[in-house]
Amino acid sequence: MSSTPSPYPDESDGYWMHYHDENSQKLADAIIKYAVERVRMDPPPLDAPKSLSELQHEVGNTITAEGLGAAKALSIFTEQLAPSCISVDHPLFLSFVPGAPTESSVLFDLVVAASNVYAGSWLEGAGAVYAENQALAWLADLAGLPSSAGGVFVSGGTAGNLSALIAARWQWRQRGRGAHARVRPIILASGGAHSSVALAANAMDADLVAVPTDYANRLMASDVRASYDAMSAEDRVRVCAVVATAGTTNLGVIDDLAGI
């Protein structure tokens, strides 16, 4: 038995997972190889979902006392799990919301993940926050918003809608100078608004009022005004937000953004 201490801790304590050795290098090579091959597919395989019973038979239990090991986990994902998911970047993916990031974008995700960045504050992530703010300023300028506009990148429309509506409620209560502190807010939206708007209203303890649309399923300023005017004076004070959509999920309808 050698008296020379091992450069790696005992595997029983769990810290070995954070050390780079021959096995982790092989895993890194395999992951990068898969990622590069996947983004170069043109087109990628469409793939298709499998039933629960099929996946249970083919994959089995992925959580075990012994663990699968990184190589086995990667194999299960690439050979069984990924092919059981529809490729939303396929040219024939015509339902729901597609996602087709560029090759550079996908590969740069590897860079950001490996950098282990936390961008929740300037103190901890000044570089990332600086880059994010530049991207946000660029998008705000494209949308015609003032230079004072700000924001944050979120995971998707559901988180974005919830964040925006909470911000609108906060602004409404600020303007109320305490009068709206315990008032249940009202949100105006069309039936074509994203389903997450209704979920957000429920989470915020707000009432959602559906506004009729025109012949092309657009939410028009005149219909918003008519619905607002039809409310009681008490309810009009409760309106904290109007949801207008620049491309509805199901039909791609663009509401009367300028008018609203």
C-alpha atoms as a PDB file:
ATOM      1  CA  MET A   1       0.000   0.000   0.000  1.00  0.00           C
ATOM      2  CA  SER A   2       1.496   3.347  -1.059  1.00  0.00           C
ATOM      3  CA  SER A   3       1.902   6.141   1.465  1.00  0.00           C
ATOM      4  CA  THR A   4       1.590   8.725  -1.312  1.00  0.00           C
ATOM      5  CA  PRO A   5      -1.803  10.439  -1.048  1.00  0.00           C
ATOM      6  CA  SER A   6      -4.076  10.050  -4.050  1.00  0.00           C
ATOM      7  CA  PRO A   7      -4.759  13.249  -6.017  1.00  0.00           C
ATOM      8  CA  TYR A   8      -8.418  12.248  -5.976  1.00  0.00           C
ATOM      9  CA  PRO A   9     -10.575  11.838  -2.871  1.00  0.00           C
ATOM     10  CA  ASP A  10     -12.207   8.559  -2.014  1.00  0.00           C
ATOM     11  CA  GLU A  11     -15.193   7.816  -4.257  1.00  0.00           C
ATOM     12  CA  SER A  12     -17.360   7.132  -1.226  1.00  0.00           C
ATOM     13  CA  ASP A  13     -17.446  10.804  -0.221  1.00  0.00           C
ATOM     14  CA  GLY A  14     -18.894  12.090  -3.500  1.00  0.00           C
ATOM     15  CA  TYR A  15     -16.226  14.715  -4.153  1.00  0.00           C
ATOM     16  CA  TRP A  16     -14.671  12.594  -6.898  1.00  0.00           C
ATOM     17  CA  MET A  17     -17.426  13.802  -9.241  1.00  0.00           C
ATOM     18  CA  HIS A  18     -15.827  17.260  -9.334  1.00  0.00           C
ATOM     19  CA  TYR A  19     -12.376  16.092 -10.446  1.00  0.00           C
ATOM     20  CA  HIS A  20     -11.282  15.932 -14.069  1.00  0.00           C
ATOM     21  CA  ASP A  21      -9.759  12.563 -14.922  1.00  0.00           C
ATOM     22  CA  GLU A  22      -9.519  10.233 -17.902  1.00  0.00           C
ATOM     23  CA  ASN A  23     -13.173   9.232 -17.650  1.00  0.00           C
ATOM     24  CA  SER A  24     -14.434  12.806 -17.501  1.00  0.00           C
ATOM     25  CA  GLN A  25     -12.260  13.663 -20.509  1.00  0.00           C
ATOM     26  CA  LYS A  26     -13.827  10.809 -22.465  1.00  0.00           C
ATOM     27  CA  LEU A  27     -17.264  12.046 -21.443  1.00  0.00           C
ATOM     28  CA  ALA A  28     -16.422  15.598 -22.530  1.00  0.00           C
ATOM     29  CA  ASP A  29     -15.214  14.344 -25.908  1.00  0.00           C
ATOM     30  CA  ALA A  30     -18.378  12.279 -26.385  1.00  0.00           C
ATOM     31  CA  ILE A  31     -20.670  15.163 -25.428  1.00  0.00           C
ATOM     32  CA  ILE A  32     -18.940  17.640 -27.731  1.00  0.00           C
ATOM     33  CA  LYS A  33     -18.964  15.091 -30.560  1.00  0.00           C
ATOM     34  CA  TYR A  34     -22.709  14.526 -30.136  1.00  0.00           C
ATOM     35  CA  ALA A  35     -23.450  18.258 -29.909  1.00  0.00           C
ATOM     36  CA  VAL A  36     -21.451  19.095 -33.030  1.00  0.00           C
ATOM     37  CA  GLU A  37     -22.994  16.257 -35.037  1.00  0.00           C
ATOM     38  CA  ARG A  38     -26.493  17.235 -33.907  1.00  0.00           C
ATOM     39  CA  VAL A  39     -26.248  20.894 -34.885  1.00  0.00           C
ATOM     40  CA  ARG A  40     -24.763  19.958 -38.265  1.00  0.00           C
ATOM     41  CA  MET A  41     -27.734  17.780 -39.210  1.00  0.00           C
ATOM     42  CA  ASP A  42     -29.673  19.424 -42.025  1.00  0.00           C
ATOM     43  CA  PRO A  43     -32.410  18.592 -41.505  1.00  0.00           C
ATOM     44  CA  PRO A  44     -32.334  16.886 -38.116  1.00  0.00           C
ATOM     45  CA  PRO A  45     -34.436  13.746 -37.621  1.00  0.00           C
ATOM     46  CA  LEU A  46     -38.069  14.600 -36.912  1.00  0.00           C
ATOM     47  CA  ASP A  47     -38.372  11.808 -34.308  1.00  0.00           C
ATOM     48  CA  ALA A  48     -41.622  11.085 -32.445  1.00  0.00           C
ATOM     49  CA  PRO A  49     -42.935  10.577 -28.923  1.00  0.00           C
ATOM     50  CA  LYS A  50     -43.215   7.081 -27.493  1.00  0.00           C
ATOM     51  CA  SER A  51     -45.751   5.787 -25.008  1.00  0.00           C
ATOM     52  CA  LEU A  52     -45.000   5.489 -21.318  1.00  0.00           C
ATOM     53  CA  SER A  53     -44.988   1.692 -21.549  1.00  0.00           C
ATOM     54  CA  GLU A  54     -42.516   1.777 -24.451  1.00  0.00           C
ATOM     55  CA  LEU A  55     -40.128   4.038 -22.583  1.00  0.00           C
ATOM     56  CA  GLN A  56     -40.442   1.992 -19.408  1.00  0.00           C
ATOM     57  CA  HIS A  57     -39.563  -1.127 -21.409  1.00  0.00           C
ATOM     58  CA  GLU A  58     -36.683   0.444 -23.357  1.00  0.00           C
ATOM     59  CA  VAL A  59     -35.184   2.754 -20.741  1.00  0.00           C
ATOM     60  CA  GLY A  60     -36.268   1.377 -17.398  1.00  0.00           C
ATOM     61  CA  ASN A  61     -35.414   3.158 -14.159  1.00  0.00           C
ATOM     62  CA  THR A  62     -32.806   5.897 -14.533  1.00  0.00           C
ATOM     63  CA  ILE A  63     -32.543   6.564 -10.793  1.00  0.00           C
ATOM     64  CA  THR A  64     -30.698   3.726  -9.069  1.00  0.00           C
ATOM     65  CA  ALA A  65     -28.757   3.279  -5.837  1.00  0.00           C
ATOM     66  CA  GLU A  66     -25.582   2.510  -7.786  1.00  0.00           C
ATOM     67  CA  GLY A  67     -26.112   5.239 -10.374  1.00  0.00           C
ATOM     68  CA  LEU A  68     -25.978   4.809 -14.136  1.00  0.00           C
ATOM     69  CA  GLY A  69     -22.627   6.438 -14.653  1.00  0.00           C
ATOM     70  CA  ALA A  70     -22.099   9.381 -16.980  1.00  0.00           C
ATOM     71  CA  ALA A  71     -21.343   7.330 -20.104  1.00  0.00           C
ATOM     72  CA  LYS A  72     -24.466   5.194 -19.671  1.00  0.00           C
ATOM     73  CA  ALA A  73     -26.613   8.257 -18.952  1.00  0.00           C
ATOM     74  CA  LEU A  74     -25.366   9.923 -22.140  1.00  0.00           C
ATOM     75  CA  SER A  75     -26.039   6.763 -24.121  1.00  0.00           C
ATOM     76  CA  ILE A  76     -29.607   6.532 -22.809  1.00  0.00           C
ATOM     77  CA  PHE A  77     -30.238  10.159 -23.713  1.00  0.00           C
ATOM     78  CA  THR A  78     -28.782  10.064 -27.214  1.00  0.00           C
ATOM     79  CA  GLU A  79     -30.140   6.662 -28.212  1.00  0.00           C
ATOM     80  CA  GLN A  80     -33.506   6.490 -26.440  1.00  0.00           C
ATOM     81  CA  LEU A  81     -34.666   9.724 -24.803  1.00  0.00           C
ATOM     82  CA  ALA A  82     -33.755  12.288 -27.478  1.00  0.00           C
ATOM     83  CA  PRO A  83     -35.303  10.224 -30.327  1.00  0.00           C
ATOM     84  CA  SER A  84     -38.506  10.112 -28.255  1.00  0.00           C
ATOM     85  CA  CYS A  85     -38.801  13.913 -28.465  1.00  0.00           C
ATOM     86  CA  ILE A  86     -39.994  15.718 -31.587  1.00  0.00           C
ATOM     87  CA  SER A  87     -37.273  17.940 -33.040  1.00  0.00           C
ATOM     88  CA  VAL A  88     -38.774  21.422 -32.858  1.00  0.00           C
ATOM     89  CA  ASP A  89     -36.125  22.689 -35.291  1.00  0.00           C
ATOM     90  CA  HIS A  90     -37.270  20.328 -38.064  1.00  0.00           C
ATOM     91  CA  PRO A  91     -38.683  22.051 -41.197  1.00  0.00           C
ATOM     92  CA  LEU A  92     -41.871  19.987 -40.889  1.00  0.00           C
ATOM     93  CA  PHE A  93     -42.512  20.909 -37.254  1.00  0.00           C
ATOM     94  CA  LEU A  94     -45.594  23.004 -37.943  1.00  0.00           C
ATOM     95  CA  SER A  95     -47.420  22.800 -34.604  1.00  0.00           C
ATOM     96  CA  PHE A  96     -46.825  24.561 -31.300  1.00  0.00           C
ATOM     97  CA  VAL A  97     -43.840  26.904 -30.965  1.00  0.00           C
ATOM     98  CA  PRO A  98     -40.692  25.977 -32.938  1.00  0.00           C
ATOM     99  CA  GLY A  99     -37.163  26.586 -31.766  1.00  0.00           C
ATOM    100  CA  ALA A 100     -34.329  26.856 -34.253  1.00  0.00           C
ATOM    101  CA  PRO A 101     -31.243  28.374 -32.616  1.00  0.00           C
ATOM    102  CA  THR A 102     -28.187  28.879 -34.783  1.00  0.00           C
ATOM    103  CA  GLU A 103     -25.254  26.484 -34.613  1.00  0.00           C
ATOM    104  CA  SER A 104     -23.205  29.187 -32.901  1.00  0.00           C
ATOM    105  CA  SER A 105     -25.929  29.717 -30.300  1.00  0.00           C
ATOM    106  CA  VAL A 106     -26.126  26.031 -29.406  1.00  0.00           C
ATOM    107  CA  LEU A 107     -22.364  25.664 -29.128  1.00  0.00           C
ATOM    108  CA  PHE A 108     -22.046  28.833 -27.063  1.00  0.00           C
ATOM    109  CA  ASP A 109     -24.473  27.332 -24.556  1.00  0.00           C
ATOM    110  CA  LEU A 110     -21.687  24.848 -23.816  1.00  0.00           C
ATOM    111  CA  VAL A 111     -19.317  27.742 -23.153  1.00  0.00           C
ATOM    112  CA  VAL A 112     -21.721  29.521 -20.800  1.00  0.00           C
ATOM    113  CA  ALA A 113     -22.617  26.322 -18.941  1.00  0.00           C
ATOM    114  CA  ALA A 114     -18.950  25.418 -18.475  1.00  0.00           C
ATOM    115  CA  SER A 115     -18.223  28.933 -17.175  1.00  0.00           C
ATOM    116  CA  ASN A 116     -20.761  28.406 -14.357  1.00  0.00           C
ATOM    117  CA  VAL A 117     -21.883  32.032 -14.405  1.00  0.00           C
ATOM    118  CA  TYR A 118     -24.307  33.520 -11.884  1.00  0.00           C
ATOM    119  CA  ALA A 119     -25.799  36.731 -13.248  1.00  0.00           C
ATOM    120  CA  GLY A 120     -28.170  37.644 -10.437  1.00  0.00           C
ATOM    121  CA  SER A 121     -26.205  40.711  -9.397  1.00  0.00           C
ATOM    122  CA  TRP A 122     -23.436  42.980 -10.684  1.00  0.00           C
ATOM    123  CA  LEU A 123     -21.184  41.964  -7.779  1.00  0.00           C
ATOM    124  CA  GLU A 124     -21.165  38.307  -8.788  1.00  0.00           C
ATOM    125  CA  GLY A 125     -21.653  38.500 -12.540  1.00  0.00           C
ATOM    126  CA  ALA A 126     -20.694  41.945 -13.836  1.00  0.00           C
ATOM    127  CA  GLY A 127     -19.478  40.635 -17.185  1.00  0.00           C
ATOM    128  CA  ALA A 128     -22.603  38.599 -17.873  1.00  0.00           C
ATOM    129  CA  VAL A 129     -24.925  41.388 -16.703  1.00  0.00           C
ATOM    130  CA  TYR A 130     -23.075  43.879 -18.911  1.00  0.00           C
ATOM    131  CA  ALA A 131     -23.506  41.651 -21.970  1.00  0.00           C
ATOM    132  CA  GLU A 132     -27.165  40.968 -21.144  1.00  0.00           C
ATOM    133  CA  ASN A 133     -27.921  44.670 -20.751  1.00  0.00           C
ATOM    134  CA  GLN A 134     -26.382  45.391 -24.142  1.00  0.00           C
ATOM    135  CA  ALA A 135     -28.539  42.726 -25.775  1.00  0.00           C
ATOM    136  CA  LEU A 136     -31.640  44.056 -23.998  1.00  0.00           C
ATOM    137  CA  ALA A 137     -30.889  47.626 -25.083  1.00  0.00           C
ATOM    138  CA  TRP A 138     -30.546  46.450 -28.683  1.00  0.00           C
ATOM    139  CA  LEU A 139     -33.907  44.645 -28.569  1.00  0.00           C
ATOM    140  CA  ALA A 140     -35.591  47.597 -26.852  1.00  0.00           C
ATOM    141  CA  ASP A 141     -34.298  49.912 -29.576  1.00  0.00           C
ATOM    142  CA  LEU A 142     -35.646  47.594 -32.292  1.00  0.00           C
ATOM    143  CA  ALA A 143     -39.043  47.692 -30.559  1.00  0.00           C
ATOM    144  CA  GLY A 144     -38.996  51.497 -30.455  1.00  0.00           C
ATOM    145  CA  LEU A 145     -38.748  51.688 -26.673  1.00  0.00           C
ATOM    146  CA  PRO A 146     -36.918  54.594 -24.980  1.00  0.00           C
ATOM    147  CA  SER A 147     -33.276  54.344 -23.913  1.00  0.00           C
ATOM    148  CA  SER A 148     -34.446  54.076 -20.296  1.00  0.00           C
ATOM    149  CA  ALA A 149     -36.121  50.716 -21.032  1.00  0.00           C
ATOM    150  CA  GLY A 150     -34.736  47.640 -19.333  1.00  0.00           C
ATOM    151  CA  GLY A 151     -35.634  44.027 -18.829  1.00  0.00           C
ATOM    152  CA  VAL A 152     -34.370  40.527 -18.265  1.00  0.00           C
ATOM    153  CA  PHE A 153     -34.162  37.348 -20.327  1.00  0.00           C
ATOM    154  CA  VAL A 154     -36.438  34.585 -19.051  1.00  0.00           C
ATOM    155  CA  SER A 155     -37.010  30.947 -19.950  1.00  0.00           C
ATOM    156  CA  GLY A 156     -40.028  31.526 -22.186  1.00  0.00           C
ATOM    157  CA  GLY A 157     -43.416  33.120 -22.717  1.00  0.00           C
ATOM    158  CA  THR A 158     -44.980  31.760 -19.535  1.00  0.00           C
ATOM    159  CA  ALA A 159     -42.304  33.267 -17.291  1.00  0.00           C
ATOM    160  CA  GLY A 160     -42.255  36.408 -19.428  1.00  0.00           C
ATOM    161  CA  ASN A 161     -45.998  36.975 -19.173  1.00  0.00           C
ATOM    162  CA  LEU A 162     -46.014  36.415 -15.419  1.00  0.00           C
ATOM    163  CA  SER A 163     -43.089  38.810 -14.964  1.00  0.00           C
ATOM    164  CA  ALA A 164     -44.668  41.489 -17.162  1.00  0.00           C
ATOM    165  CA  LEU A 165     -48.050  41.282 -15.443  1.00  0.00           C
ATOM    166  CA  ILE A 166     -46.491  41.444 -11.983  1.00  0.00           C
ATOM    167  CA  ALA A 167     -44.539  44.522 -13.101  1.00  0.00           C
ATOM    168  CA  ALA A 168     -47.772  46.067 -14.417  1.00  0.00           C
ATOM    169  CA  ARG A 169     -49.544  45.355 -11.129  1.00  0.00           C
ATOM    170  CA  TRP A 170     -46.668  46.922  -9.195  1.00  0.00           C
ATOM    171  CA  GLN A 171     -46.823  50.061 -11.356  1.00  0.00           C
ATOM    172  CA  TRP A 172     -50.613  50.245 -10.962  1.00  0.00           C
ATOM    173  CA  ARG A 173     -50.297  50.046  -7.167  1.00  0.00           C
ATOM    174  CA  GLN A 174     -47.521  52.635  -7.126  1.00  0.00           C
ATOM    175  CA  ARG A 175     -49.717  55.056  -9.033  1.00  0.00           C
ATOM    176  CA  GLY A 176     -52.555  54.360  -6.622  1.00  0.00           C
ATOM    177  CA  ARG A 177     -50.444  55.675  -3.727  1.00  0.00           C
ATOM    178  CA  GLY A 178     -51.832  53.075  -1.351  1.00  0.00           C
ATOM    179  CA  ALA A 179     -55.404  53.080  -2.644  1.00  0.00           C
ATOM    180  CA  HIS A 180     -54.846  49.815  -4.581  1.00  0.00           C
ATOM    181  CA  ALA A 181     -52.846  48.001  -1.924  1.00  0.00           C
ATOM    182  CA  ARG A 182     -55.638  45.560  -1.058  1.00  0.00           C
ATOM    183  CA  VAL A 183     -57.645  45.786  -4.282  1.00  0.00           C
ATOM    184  CA  ARG A 184     -57.985  42.729  -6.535  1.00  0.00           C
ATOM    185  CA  PRO A 185     -56.703  43.814  -9.982  1.00  0.00           C
ATOM    186  CA  ILE A 186     -58.302  43.200 -13.376  1.00  0.00           C
ATOM    187  CA  ILE A 187     -56.447  42.149 -16.531  1.00  0.00           C
ATOM    188  CA  LEU A 188     -57.979  42.676 -19.980  1.00  0.00           C
ATOM    189  CA  ALA A 189     -57.045  40.179 -22.720  1.00  0.00           C
ATOM    190  CA  SER A 190     -58.465  38.499 -25.794  1.00  0.00           C
ATOM    191  CA  GLY A 191     -59.318  34.820 -26.090  1.00  0.00           C
ATOM    192  CA  GLY A 192     -56.259  34.416 -28.308  1.00  0.00           C
ATOM    193  CA  ALA A 193     -53.819  35.490 -25.616  1.00  0.00           C
ATOM    194  CA  HIS A 194     -51.335  32.859 -24.470  1.00  0.00           C
ATOM    195  CA  SER A 195     -52.775  30.338 -22.018  1.00  0.00           C
ATOM    196  CA  SER A 196     -50.196  31.408 -19.445  1.00  0.00           C
ATOM    197  CA  VAL A 197     -51.971  34.765 -19.081  1.00  0.00           C
ATOM    198  CA  ALA A 198     -54.912  33.044 -17.388  1.00  0.00           C
ATOM    199  CA  LEU A 199     -52.537  31.046 -15.192  1.00  0.00           C
ATOM    200  CA  ALA A 200     -50.664  34.216 -14.255  1.00  0.00           C
ATOM    201  CA  ALA A 201     -53.911  35.979 -13.372  1.00  0.00           C
ATOM    202  CA  ASN A 202     -54.861  33.091 -11.115  1.00  0.00           C
ATOM    203  CA  ALA A 203     -51.441  33.086  -9.438  1.00  0.00           C
ATOM    204  CA  MET A 204     -51.664  36.865  -8.928  1.00  0.00           C
ATOM    205  CA  ASP A 205     -55.196  36.647  -7.507  1.00  0.00           C
ATOM    206  CA  ALA A 206     -56.413  38.864 -10.356  1.00  0.00           C
ATOM    207  CA  ASP A 207     -59.592  38.764 -12.440  1.00  0.00           C
ATOM    208  CA  LEU A 208     -59.192  38.120 -16.177  1.00  0.00           C
ATOM    209  CA  VAL A 209     -61.744  39.840 -18.430  1.00  0.00           C
ATOM    210  CA  ALA A 210     -62.031  38.525 -21.998  1.00  0.00           C
ATOM    211  CA  VAL A 211     -62.358  41.241 -24.639  1.00  0.00           C
ATOM    212  CA  PRO A 212     -64.105  40.366 -27.947  1.00  0.00           C
ATOM    213  CA  THR A 213     -61.951  40.408 -31.096  1.00  0.00           C
ATOM    214  CA  ASP A 214     -62.659  41.531 -34.664  1.00  0.00           C
ATOM    215  CA  TYR A 215     -63.334  39.386 -37.757  1.00  0.00           C
ATOM    216  CA  ALA A 216     -59.623  38.488 -38.005  1.00  0.00           C
ATOM    217  CA  ASN A 217     -59.366  37.530 -34.313  1.00  0.00           C
ATOM    218  CA  ARG A 218     -57.417  40.710 -33.546  1.00  0.00           C
ATOM    219  CA  LEU A 219     -57.735  42.582 -30.281  1.00  0.00           C
ATOM    220  CA  MET A 220     -58.565  46.133 -31.343  1.00  0.00           C
ATOM    221  CA  ALA A 221     -58.246  49.346 -29.351  1.00  0.00           C
ATOM    222  CA  SER A 222     -61.920  50.129 -29.959  1.00  0.00           C
ATOM    223  CA  ASP A 223     -62.986  46.809 -28.408  1.00  0.00           C
ATOM    224  CA  VAL A 224     -60.703  47.345 -25.427  1.00  0.00           C
ATOM    225  CA  ARG A 225     -62.226  50.789 -24.933  1.00  0.00           C
ATOM    226  CA  ALA A 226     -65.770  49.411 -25.243  1.00  0.00           C
ATOM    227  CA  SER A 227     -65.110  46.685 -22.666  1.00  0.00           C
ATOM    228  CA  TYR A 228     -63.486  49.196 -20.334  1.00  0.00           C
ATOM    229  CA  ASP A 229     -66.337  51.689 -20.667  1.00  0.00           C
ATOM    230  CA  ALA A 230     -68.888  48.940 -19.985  1.00  0.00           C
ATOM    231  CA  MET A 231     -67.377  48.308 -16.562  1.00  0.00           C
ATOM    232  CA  SER A 232     -68.589  49.901 -13.393  1.00  0.00           C
ATOM    233  CA  ALA A 233     -66.594  52.849 -12.081  1.00  0.00           C
ATOM    234  CA  GLU A 234     -65.315  50.631  -9.292  1.00  0.00           C
ATOM    235  CA  ASP A 235     -64.035  47.980 -11.734  1.00  0.00           C
ATOM    236  CA  ARG A 236     -62.411  50.492 -14.085  1.00  0.00           C
ATOM    237  CA  VAL A 237     -60.145  51.545 -11.237  1.00  0.00           C
ATOM    238  CA  ARG A 238     -59.112  47.902 -10.817  1.00  0.00           C
ATOM    239  CA  VAL A 239     -57.708  47.526 -14.358  1.00  0.00           C
ATOM    240  CA  CYS A 240     -53.943  47.111 -14.041  1.00  0.00           C
ATOM    241  CA  ALA A 241     -53.014  45.753 -17.481  1.00  0.00           C
ATOM    242  CA  VAL A 242     -54.132  45.099 -21.050  1.00  0.00           C
ATOM    243  CA  VAL A 243     -52.538  42.096 -22.773  1.00  0.00           C
ATOM    244  CA  ALA A 244     -51.921  42.623 -26.498  1.00  0.00           C
ATOM    245  CA  THR A 245     -50.105  39.983 -28.531  1.00  0.00           C
ATOM    246  CA  ALA A 246     -47.604  40.372 -31.373  1.00  0.00           C
ATOM    247  CA  GLY A 247     -48.411  36.977 -32.878  1.00  0.00           C
ATOM    248  CA  THR A 248     -50.812  34.652 -31.069  1.00  0.00           C
ATOM    249  CA  THR A 249     -49.675  31.087 -30.432  1.00  0.00           C
ATOM    250  CA  ASN A 250     -52.324  29.306 -32.484  1.00  0.00           C
ATOM    251  CA  LEU A 251     -52.931  31.674 -35.408  1.00  0.00           C
ATOM    252  CA  GLY A 252     -50.072  34.165 -35.404  1.00  0.00           C
ATOM    253  CA  VAL A 253     -52.515  37.071 -35.118  1.00  0.00           C
ATOM    254  CA  ILE A 254     -51.011  40.490 -34.381  1.00  0.00           C
ATOM    255  CA  ASP A 255     -53.269  42.645 -32.222  1.00  0.00           C
ATOM    256  CA  ASP A 256     -53.747  46.394 -32.676  1.00  0.00           C
ATOM    257  CA  LEU A 257     -50.574  47.172 -30.735  1.00  0.00           C
ATOM    258  CA  ALA A 258     -50.276  50.826 -31.712  1.00  0.00           C
ATOM    259  CA  GLY A 259     -53.949  51.564 -31.067  1.00  0.00           C
ATOM    260  CA  ILE A 260     -54.051  49.777 -27.726  1.00  0.00           C
END
